[in-house]
Amino acid sequence: MHRGAGLVAELARPGGNITGTSNMATDLSAKVAQLLIEVAPGIKRVGVVRNSANPGTALSARETIESIRALGLQIEPVDAETAEELQLHLHA
């Protein structure tokens, strides 16, 4: 679990009932953004889908958005908890 999401007090002794692993590799956000530019060199705007009901998503989305902005790209954040909500945003 990542401390930045507010789910644990510290990684060595998280306390409470939180156990498990996470794929929240926020340090990779900048690299993913750079790779995006390499595979789509003319890209100007990037959509970032986030689920605001998931506390872990806030940290990951924030890091991703900051990394993409740092590269001078426009951001289009989309909040969606379900596939249906995402479809509504895509067709709006």
Protein backbone atom coordinates (compact mmCIF):
# COMPACT_ATOMS: atom_id res chain seq x y z
CA MET A 1 0.00 0.00 0.00
CA HIS A 2 1.21 3.48 -0.65
CA ARG A 3 1.40 5.95 2.19
CA GLY A 4 0.44 8.86 -0.10
CA ALA A 5 -3.05 7.44 -0.51
CA GLY A 6 -3.66 7.83 3.22
CA LEU A 7 -4.37 4.14 3.74
CA VAL A 8 -1.48 3.39 6.10
CA ALA A 9 0.53 5.38 8.63
CA GLU A 10 3.86 3.88 7.58
CA LEU A 11 4.94 1.04 5.34
CA ALA A 12 6.95 -0.84 8.00
CA ARG A 13 3.97 -0.97 10.40
CA PRO A 14 0.77 -0.16 8.54
CA GLY A 15 -1.55 -1.02 11.46
CA GLY A 16 -5.29 -1.65 11.15
CA ASN A 17 -6.62 -4.27 8.79
CA ILE A 18 -4.75 -3.21 5.67
CA THR A 19 -2.62 -5.91 4.08
CA GLY A 20 -1.66 -6.77 0.54
CA THR A 21 0.14 -5.30 -2.41
CA SER A 22 -0.46 -2.52 -4.84
CA ASN A 23 0.46 -1.70 -8.40
CA MET A 24 0.54 2.03 -7.66
CA ALA A 25 3.97 2.72 -9.14
CA THR A 26 3.68 6.49 -9.12
CA ASP A 27 7.38 6.88 -9.83
CA LEU A 28 6.74 5.42 -13.29
CA SER A 29 4.25 8.13 -14.29
CA ALA A 30 6.88 10.34 -15.93
CA LYS A 31 8.30 7.41 -17.90
CA VAL A 32 4.85 6.35 -19.11
CA ALA A 33 4.17 9.94 -20.25
CA GLN A 34 7.49 10.02 -22.13
CA LEU A 35 6.71 6.71 -23.81
CA LEU A 36 3.33 8.07 -24.86
CA ILE A 37 5.05 10.93 -26.68
CA GLU A 38 7.44 8.48 -28.35
CA VAL A 39 4.65 6.29 -29.74
CA ALA A 40 2.42 9.25 -30.66
CA PRO A 41 4.82 12.14 -31.41
CA GLY A 42 2.11 14.55 -32.60
CA ILE A 43 -0.04 14.16 -29.51
CA LYS A 44 -1.29 17.39 -27.95
CA ARG A 45 -3.97 16.27 -25.47
CA VAL A 46 -4.14 13.25 -23.14
CA GLY A 47 -7.11 11.81 -21.29
CA VAL A 48 -6.62 10.47 -17.79
CA VAL A 49 -9.37 8.24 -16.43
CA ARG A 50 -9.68 8.13 -12.66
CA ASN A 51 -12.09 6.58 -10.19
CA SER A 52 -12.64 9.14 -7.43
CA ALA A 53 -14.34 6.48 -5.26
CA ASN A 54 -11.04 4.58 -5.02
CA PRO A 55 -8.66 6.30 -2.55
CA GLY A 56 -5.62 4.84 -4.28
CA THR A 57 -6.55 6.38 -7.59
CA ALA A 58 -6.19 9.98 -6.40
CA LEU A 59 -2.45 9.71 -5.84
CA SER A 60 -1.78 7.79 -9.03
CA ALA A 61 -3.89 10.14 -11.17
CA ARG A 62 -2.29 13.23 -9.62
CA GLU A 63 1.22 11.93 -10.38
CA THR A 64 0.21 11.02 -13.93
CA ILE A 65 -1.41 14.40 -14.56
CA GLU A 66 1.62 16.27 -13.21
CA SER A 67 3.97 14.21 -15.39
CA ILE A 68 1.93 14.84 -18.52
CA ARG A 69 1.63 18.58 -17.80
CA ALA A 70 5.41 18.77 -17.27
CA LEU A 71 5.80 17.59 -20.86
CA GLY A 72 3.62 20.47 -22.08
CA LEU A 73 0.57 18.40 -23.02
CA GLN A 74 -3.05 19.29 -22.32
CA ILE A 75 -4.92 17.10 -19.83
CA GLU A 76 -8.50 15.90 -20.08
CA PRO A 77 -9.29 14.26 -16.70
CA VAL A 78 -12.31 11.96 -16.70
CA ASP A 79 -13.94 10.74 -13.48
CA ALA A 80 -15.67 7.39 -13.95
CA GLU A 81 -16.42 4.61 -11.47
CA THR A 82 -17.93 2.21 -14.00
CA ALA A 83 -17.58 1.31 -17.67
CA GLU A 84 -20.99 2.86 -18.25
CA GLU A 85 -19.87 6.21 -16.80
CA LEU A 86 -16.78 6.11 -19.00
CA GLN A 87 -18.93 5.48 -22.07
CA LEU A 88 -21.06 8.52 -21.17
CA HIS A 89 -17.95 10.71 -21.06
CA LEU A 90 -16.64 9.32 -24.34
CA HIS A 91 -19.89 10.07 -26.16
CA ALA A 92 -20.54 13.46 -24.58
